């Protein structure tokens, strides 16, 4: 078997299992203590509509 064929045989497995290992240690929606609050100036403001909030919730976001 050539190197290319071996790679093409292994590549789908890498694509399937790599995201599982990459996200394994990260826990979403977990409260973390705050050590320091830093105040600064606001560079820009983005106003969002209620429709965007509903759409983001349907995509899995619980907070913005």
PDB file of N, CA and C in Angstrom:
ATOM      1  N   UNK A   1       0.840  -1.182   0.000  1.00  0.00           N
ATOM      2  CA  UNK A   1       0.000   0.000   0.000  1.00  0.00           C
ATOM      3  C   UNK A   1       0.885   1.246   0.000  1.00  0.00           C
ATOM      4  N   UNK A   2       0.509   2.209  -0.753  1.00  0.00           N
ATOM      5  CA  UNK A   2       1.302   3.427  -0.778  1.00  0.00           C
ATOM      6  C   UNK A   2       0.989   4.274   0.441  1.00  0.00           C
ATOM      7  N   UNK A   3       1.822   5.236   0.661  1.00  0.00           N
ATOM      8  CA  UNK A   3       1.616   6.127   1.816  1.00  0.00           C
ATOM      9  C   UNK A   3       0.306   6.893   1.705  1.00  0.00           C
ATOM     10  N   UNK A   4      -0.029   7.286   0.483  1.00  0.00           N
ATOM     11  CA  UNK A   4      -1.261   8.059   0.281  1.00  0.00           C
ATOM     12  C   UNK A   4      -2.477   7.206   0.624  1.00  0.00           C
ATOM     13  N   UNK A   5      -2.473   5.965   0.217  1.00  0.00           N
ATOM     14  CA  UNK A   5      -3.610   5.089   0.520  1.00  0.00           C
ATOM     15  C   UNK A   5      -3.727   4.835   2.015  1.00  0.00           C
ATOM     16  N   UNK A   6      -2.611   4.672   2.671  1.00  0.00           N
ATOM     17  CA  UNK A   6      -2.642   4.489   4.125  1.00  0.00           C
ATOM     18  C   UNK A   6      -3.223   5.722   4.807  1.00  0.00           C
ATOM     19  N   UNK A   7      -2.787   6.884   4.330  1.00  0.00           N
ATOM     20  CA  UNK A   7      -3.298   8.131   4.910  1.00  0.00           C
ATOM     21  C   UNK A   7      -4.797   8.260   4.672  1.00  0.00           C
ATOM     22  N   UNK A   8      -5.244   7.954   3.453  1.00  0.00           N
ATOM     23  CA  UNK A   8      -6.667   8.057   3.142  1.00  0.00           C
ATOM     24  C   UNK A   8      -7.495   7.033   3.919  1.00  0.00           C
ATOM     25  N   UNK A   9      -6.880   5.950   4.321  1.00  0.00           N
ATOM     26  CA  UNK A   9      -7.577   4.956   5.126  1.00  0.00           C
ATOM     27  C   UNK A   9      -7.714   5.409   6.579  1.00  0.00           C
ATOM     28  N   UNK A  10      -6.732   6.135   7.083  1.00  0.00           N
ATOM     29  CA  UNK A  10      -6.721   6.579   8.474  1.00  0.00           C
ATOM     30  C   UNK A  10      -7.416   7.929   8.641  1.00  0.00           C
ATOM     31  N   UNK A  11      -7.425   8.735   7.616  1.00  0.00           N
ATOM     32  CA  UNK A  11      -7.946  10.110   7.692  1.00  0.00           C
ATOM     33  C   UNK A  11      -9.391  10.193   8.202  1.00  0.00           C
ATOM     34  N   UNK A  12     -10.328   9.378   7.710  1.00  0.00           N
ATOM     35  CA  UNK A  12     -11.705   9.489   8.243  1.00  0.00           C
ATOM     36  C   UNK A  12     -11.794   9.233   9.746  1.00  0.00           C
ATOM     37  N   UNK A  13     -10.981   8.310  10.258  1.00  0.00           N
ATOM     38  CA  UNK A  13     -10.996   8.039  11.694  1.00  0.00           C
ATOM     39  C   UNK A  13     -10.481   9.230  12.485  1.00  0.00           C
ATOM     40  N   UNK A  14      -9.465   9.873  11.963  1.00  0.00           N
ATOM     41  CA  UNK A  14      -8.928  11.063  12.629  1.00  0.00           C
ATOM     42  C   UNK A  14      -9.978  12.162  12.654  1.00  0.00           C
ATOM     43  N   UNK A  15     -10.656  12.355  11.536  1.00  0.00           N
ATOM     44  CA  UNK A  15     -11.676  13.401  11.443  1.00  0.00           C
ATOM     45  C   UNK A  15     -12.843  13.107  12.388  1.00  0.00           C
ATOM     46  N   UNK A  16     -13.187  11.839  12.557  1.00  0.00           N
ATOM     47  CA  UNK A  16     -14.306  11.483  13.432  1.00  0.00           C
ATOM     48  C   UNK A  16     -13.982  11.618  14.917  1.00  0.00           C
ATOM     49  N   UNK A  17     -12.782  11.217  15.321  1.00  0.00           N
ATOM     50  CA  UNK A  17     -12.476  11.142  16.749  1.00  0.00           C
ATOM     51  C   UNK A  17     -11.710  12.332  17.309  1.00  0.00           C
ATOM     52  N   UNK A  18     -11.051  13.105  16.487  1.00  0.00           N
ATOM     53  CA  UNK A  18     -10.288  14.248  16.983  1.00  0.00           C
ATOM     54  C   UNK A  18     -11.163  15.285  17.690  1.00  0.00           C
ATOM     55  N   UNK A  19     -12.337  15.649  17.163  1.00  0.00           N
ATOM     56  CA  UNK A  19     -13.175  16.617  17.900  1.00  0.00           C
ATOM     57  C   UNK A  19     -13.601  16.124  19.277  1.00  0.00           C
ATOM     58  N   UNK A  20     -13.762  14.829  19.445  1.00  0.00           N
ATOM     59  CA  UNK A  20     -14.142  14.302  20.758  1.00  0.00           C
ATOM     60  C   UNK A  20     -13.045  14.538  21.786  1.00  0.00           C
ATOM     61  N   UNK A  21     -11.802  14.354  21.394  1.00  0.00           N
ATOM     62  CA  UNK A  21     -10.688  14.574  22.309  1.00  0.00           C
ATOM     63  C   UNK A  21     -10.433  16.057  22.537  1.00  0.00           C
ATOM     64  N   UNK A  22     -10.664  16.874  21.535  1.00  0.00           N
ATOM     65  CA  UNK A  22     -10.389  18.304  21.651  1.00  0.00           C
ATOM     66  C   UNK A  22     -11.343  18.977  22.636  1.00  0.00           C
ATOM     67  N   UNK A  23     -12.592  18.540  22.693  1.00  0.00           N
ATOM     68  CA  UNK A  23     -13.594  19.169  23.555  1.00  0.00           C
ATOM     69  C   UNK A  23     -13.804  18.429  24.869  1.00  0.00           C
ATOM     70  N   UNK A  24     -13.063  17.393  25.127  1.00  0.00           N
ATOM     71  CA  UNK A  24     -13.306  16.557  26.301  1.00  0.00           C
ATOM     72  C   UNK A  24     -13.069  17.300  27.610  1.00  0.00           C
ATOM     73  N   UNK A  25     -12.057  18.149  27.698  1.00  0.00           N
ATOM     74  CA  UNK A  25     -11.707  18.786  28.964  1.00  0.00           C
ATOM     75  C   UNK A  25     -12.465  20.089  29.206  1.00  0.00           C
ATOM     76  N   UNK A  26     -13.159  20.597  28.219  1.00  0.00           N
ATOM     77  CA  UNK A  26     -13.829  21.887  28.346  1.00  0.00           C
ATOM     78  C   UNK A  26     -15.281  21.676  28.748  1.00  0.00           C
ATOM     79  N   UNK A  27     -15.676  22.266  29.886  1.00  0.00           N
ATOM     80  CA  UNK A  27     -17.055  22.158  30.350  1.00  0.00           C
ATOM     81  C   UNK A  27     -17.753  23.490  30.125  1.00  0.00           C
ATOM     82  N   UNK A  28     -18.867  23.445  29.451  1.00  0.00           N
ATOM     83  CA  UNK A  28     -19.632  24.661  29.189  1.00  0.00           C
ATOM     84  C   UNK A  28     -20.633  24.913  30.313  1.00  0.00           C
ATOM     85  N   UNK A  29     -21.062  26.156  30.422  1.00  0.00           N
ATOM     86  CA  UNK A  29     -22.111  26.559  31.360  1.00  0.00           C
ATOM     87  C   UNK A  29     -21.795  26.166  32.796  1.00  0.00           C
ATOM     88  N   UNK A  30     -20.555  26.377  33.189  1.00  0.00           N
ATOM     89  CA  UNK A  30     -20.129  26.116  34.560  1.00  0.00           C
ATOM     90  C   UNK A  30     -19.691  27.444  35.163  1.00  0.00           C
ATOM     91  N   UNK A  31     -20.225  27.759  36.330  1.00  0.00           N
ATOM     92  CA  UNK A  31     -19.867  29.019  36.985  1.00  0.00           C
ATOM     93  C   UNK A  31     -18.432  28.948  37.496  1.00  0.00           C
ATOM     94  N   UNK A  32     -17.681  29.991  37.250  1.00  0.00           N
ATOM     95  CA  UNK A  32     -16.288  30.079  37.700  1.00  0.00           C
ATOM     96  C   UNK A  32     -16.150  31.303  38.597  1.00  0.00           C
ATOM     97  N   UNK A  33     -15.360  31.234  39.657  1.00  0.00           N
ATOM     98  CA  UNK A  33     -15.156  32.403  40.507  1.00  0.00           C
ATOM     99  C   UNK A  33     -14.365  33.484  39.769  1.00  0.00           C
ATOM    100  N   UNK A  34     -14.669  34.724  40.103  1.00  0.00           N
ATOM    101  CA  UNK A  34     -13.993  35.865  39.486  1.00  0.00           C
ATOM    102  C   UNK A  34     -12.923  36.357  40.444  1.00  0.00           C
ATOM    103  N   UNK A  35     -11.689  36.426  39.974  1.00  0.00           N
ATOM    104  CA  UNK A  35     -10.588  36.889  40.813  1.00  0.00           C
ATOM    105  C   UNK A  35     -10.457  38.405  40.809  1.00  0.00           C
ATOM    106  N   UNK A  36     -10.714  39.016  39.666  1.00  0.00           N
ATOM    107  CA  UNK A  36     -10.499  40.453  39.543  1.00  0.00           C
ATOM    108  C   UNK A  36     -11.437  41.008  38.482  1.00  0.00           C
ATOM    109  N   UNK A  37     -11.997  42.178  38.753  1.00  0.00           N
ATOM    110  CA  UNK A  37     -12.826  42.871  37.777  1.00  0.00           C
ATOM    111  C   UNK A  37     -12.032  44.056  37.265  1.00  0.00           C
ATOM    112  N   UNK A  38     -11.837  44.105  35.963  1.00  0.00           N
ATOM    113  CA  UNK A  38     -11.055  45.175  35.351  1.00  0.00           C
ATOM    114  C   UNK A  38     -12.015  46.076  34.589  1.00  0.00           C
ATOM    115  N   UNK A  39     -11.956  47.359  34.879  1.00  0.00           N
ATOM    116  CA  UNK A  39     -12.812  48.320  34.200  1.00  0.00           C
ATOM    117  C   UNK A  39     -12.037  48.975  33.069  1.00  0.00           C
ATOM    118  N   UNK A  40     -12.740  49.288  32.021  1.00  0.00           N
ATOM    119  CA  UNK A  40     -12.104  49.945  30.884  1.00  0.00           C
ATOM    120  C   UNK A  40     -13.144  50.685  30.078  1.00  0.00           C
ATOM    121  N   UNK A  41     -12.750  51.124  28.908  1.00  0.00           N
ATOM    122  CA  UNK A  41     -13.693  51.851  28.057  1.00  0.00           C
ATOM    123  C   UNK A  41     -14.324  50.892  27.053  1.00  0.00           C
ATOM    124  N   UNK A  42     -15.486  51.248  26.580  1.00  0.00           N
ATOM    125  CA  UNK A  42     -16.205  50.440  25.601  1.00  0.00           C
ATOM    126  C   UNK A  42     -15.840  50.942  24.217  1.00  0.00           C
ATOM    127  N   UNK A  43     -15.341  50.041  23.388  1.00  0.00           N
ATOM    128  CA  UNK A  43     -14.963  50.413  22.023  1.00  0.00           C
ATOM    129  C   UNK A  43     -16.146  50.363  21.071  1.00  0.00           C
ATOM    130  N   UNK A  44     -17.003  49.379  21.235  1.00  0.00           N
ATOM    131  CA  UNK A  44     -18.146  49.258  20.338  1.00  0.00           C
ATOM    132  C   UNK A  44     -19.285  48.553  21.065  1.00  0.00           C
ATOM    133  N   UNK A  45     -20.487  48.789  20.579  1.00  0.00           N
ATOM    134  CA  UNK A  45     -21.682  48.180  21.150  1.00  0.00           C
ATOM    135  C   UNK A  45     -22.441  47.516  20.016  1.00  0.00           C
ATOM    136  N   UNK A  46     -22.883  46.309  20.259  1.00  0.00           N
ATOM    137  CA  UNK A  46     -23.695  45.615  19.258  1.00  0.00           C
ATOM    138  C   UNK A  46     -25.067  45.368  19.864  1.00  0.00           C
ATOM    139  N   UNK A  47     -26.061  45.942  19.266  1.00  0.00           N
ATOM    140  CA  UNK A  47     -27.426  45.733  19.721  1.00  0.00           C
ATOM    141  C   UNK A  47     -27.986  44.507  19.017  1.00  0.00           C
ATOM    142  N   UNK A  48     -28.590  43.615  19.796  1.00  0.00           N
ATOM    143  CA  UNK A  48     -29.171  42.414  19.210  1.00  0.00           C
ATOM    144  C   UNK A  48     -30.674  42.430  19.421  1.00  0.00           C
ATOM    145  N   UNK A  49     -31.359  41.794  18.515  1.00  0.00           N
ATOM    146  CA  UNK A  49     -32.815  41.749  18.576  1.00  0.00           C
ATOM    147  C   UNK A  49     -33.266  40.510  19.337  1.00  0.00           C
ATOM    148  N   UNK A  50     -34.533  40.503  19.703  1.00  0.00           N
ATOM    149  CA  UNK A  50     -35.106  39.332  20.379  1.00  0.00           C
ATOM    150  C   UNK A  50     -35.016  38.107  19.474  1.00  0.00           C
ATOM    151  N   UNK A  51     -35.178  38.326  18.184  1.00  0.00           N
ATOM    152  CA  UNK A  51     -35.101  37.213  17.225  1.00  0.00           C
ATOM    153  C   UNK A  51     -33.706  36.578  17.238  1.00  0.00           C
ATOM    154  N   UNK A  52     -32.660  37.402  17.353  1.00  0.00           N
ATOM    155  CA  UNK A  52     -31.298  36.874  17.422  1.00  0.00           C
ATOM    156  C   UNK A  52     -31.073  36.084  18.714  1.00  0.00           C
ATOM    157  N   UNK A  53     -31.682  36.532  19.806  1.00  0.00           N
ATOM    158  CA  UNK A  53     -31.561  35.809  21.076  1.00  0.00           C
ATOM    159  C   UNK A  53     -32.228  34.444  20.962  1.00  0.00           C
ATOM    160  N   UNK A  54     -33.418  34.408  20.396  1.00  0.00           N
ATOM    161  CA  UNK A  54     -34.137  33.144  20.227  1.00  0.00           C
ATOM    162  C   UNK A  54     -33.360  32.214  19.303  1.00  0.00           C
ATOM    163  N   UNK A  55     -32.798  32.777  18.232  1.00  0.00           N
ATOM    164  CA  UNK A  55     -32.033  31.963  17.286  1.00  0.00           C
ATOM    165  C   UNK A  55     -30.773  31.399  17.945  1.00  0.00           C
ATOM    166  N   UNK A  56     -30.098  32.199  18.761  1.00  0.00           N
ATOM    167  CA  UNK A  56     -28.890  31.706  19.423  1.00  0.00           C
ATOM    168  C   UNK A  56     -29.231  30.623  20.447  1.00  0.00           C
ATOM    169  N   UNK A  57     -30.372  30.752  21.118  1.00  0.00           N
ATOM    170  CA  UNK A  57     -30.779  29.702  22.063  1.00  0.00           C
ATOM    171  C   UNK A  57     -31.068  28.398  21.331  1.00  0.00           C
ATOM    172  N   UNK A  58     -31.656  28.498  20.140  1.00  0.00           N
ATOM    173  CA  UNK A  58     -31.943  27.273  19.389  1.00  0.00           C
ATOM    174  C   UNK A  58     -30.672  26.635  18.850  1.00  0.00           C
ATOM    175  N   UNK A  59     -29.584  27.410  18.763  1.00  0.00           N
ATOM    176  CA  UNK A  59     -28.299  26.863  18.328  1.00  0.00           C
ATOM    177  C   UNK A  59     -27.480  26.318  19.488  1.00  0.00           C
ATOM    178  N   UNK A  60     -28.007  26.400  20.715  1.00  0.00           N
ATOM    179  CA  UNK A  60     -27.312  25.813  21.851  1.00  0.00           C
ATOM    180  C   UNK A  60     -26.732  26.818  22.830  1.00  0.00           C
ATOM    181  N   UNK A  61     -26.795  28.110  22.536  1.00  0.00           N
ATOM    182  CA  UNK A  61     -26.260  29.118  23.460  1.00  0.00           C
ATOM    183  C   UNK A  61     -27.276  29.348  24.566  1.00  0.00           C
ATOM    184  N   UNK A  62     -26.824  29.303  25.815  1.00  0.00           N
ATOM    185  CA  UNK A  62     -27.712  29.622  26.933  1.00  0.00           C
ATOM    186  C   UNK A  62     -27.517  31.060  27.384  1.00  0.00           C
ATOM    187  N   UNK A  63     -26.317  31.575  27.196  1.00  0.00           N
ATOM    188  CA  UNK A  63     -26.034  32.969  27.515  1.00  0.00           C
ATOM    189  C   UNK A  63     -25.282  33.586  26.354  1.00  0.00           C
ATOM    190  N   UNK A  64     -25.385  34.888  26.222  1.00  0.00           N
ATOM    191  CA  UNK A  64     -24.657  35.585  25.153  1.00  0.00           C
ATOM    192  C   UNK A  64     -23.417  36.222  25.714  1.00  0.00           C
TER     193      UNK A  64
END
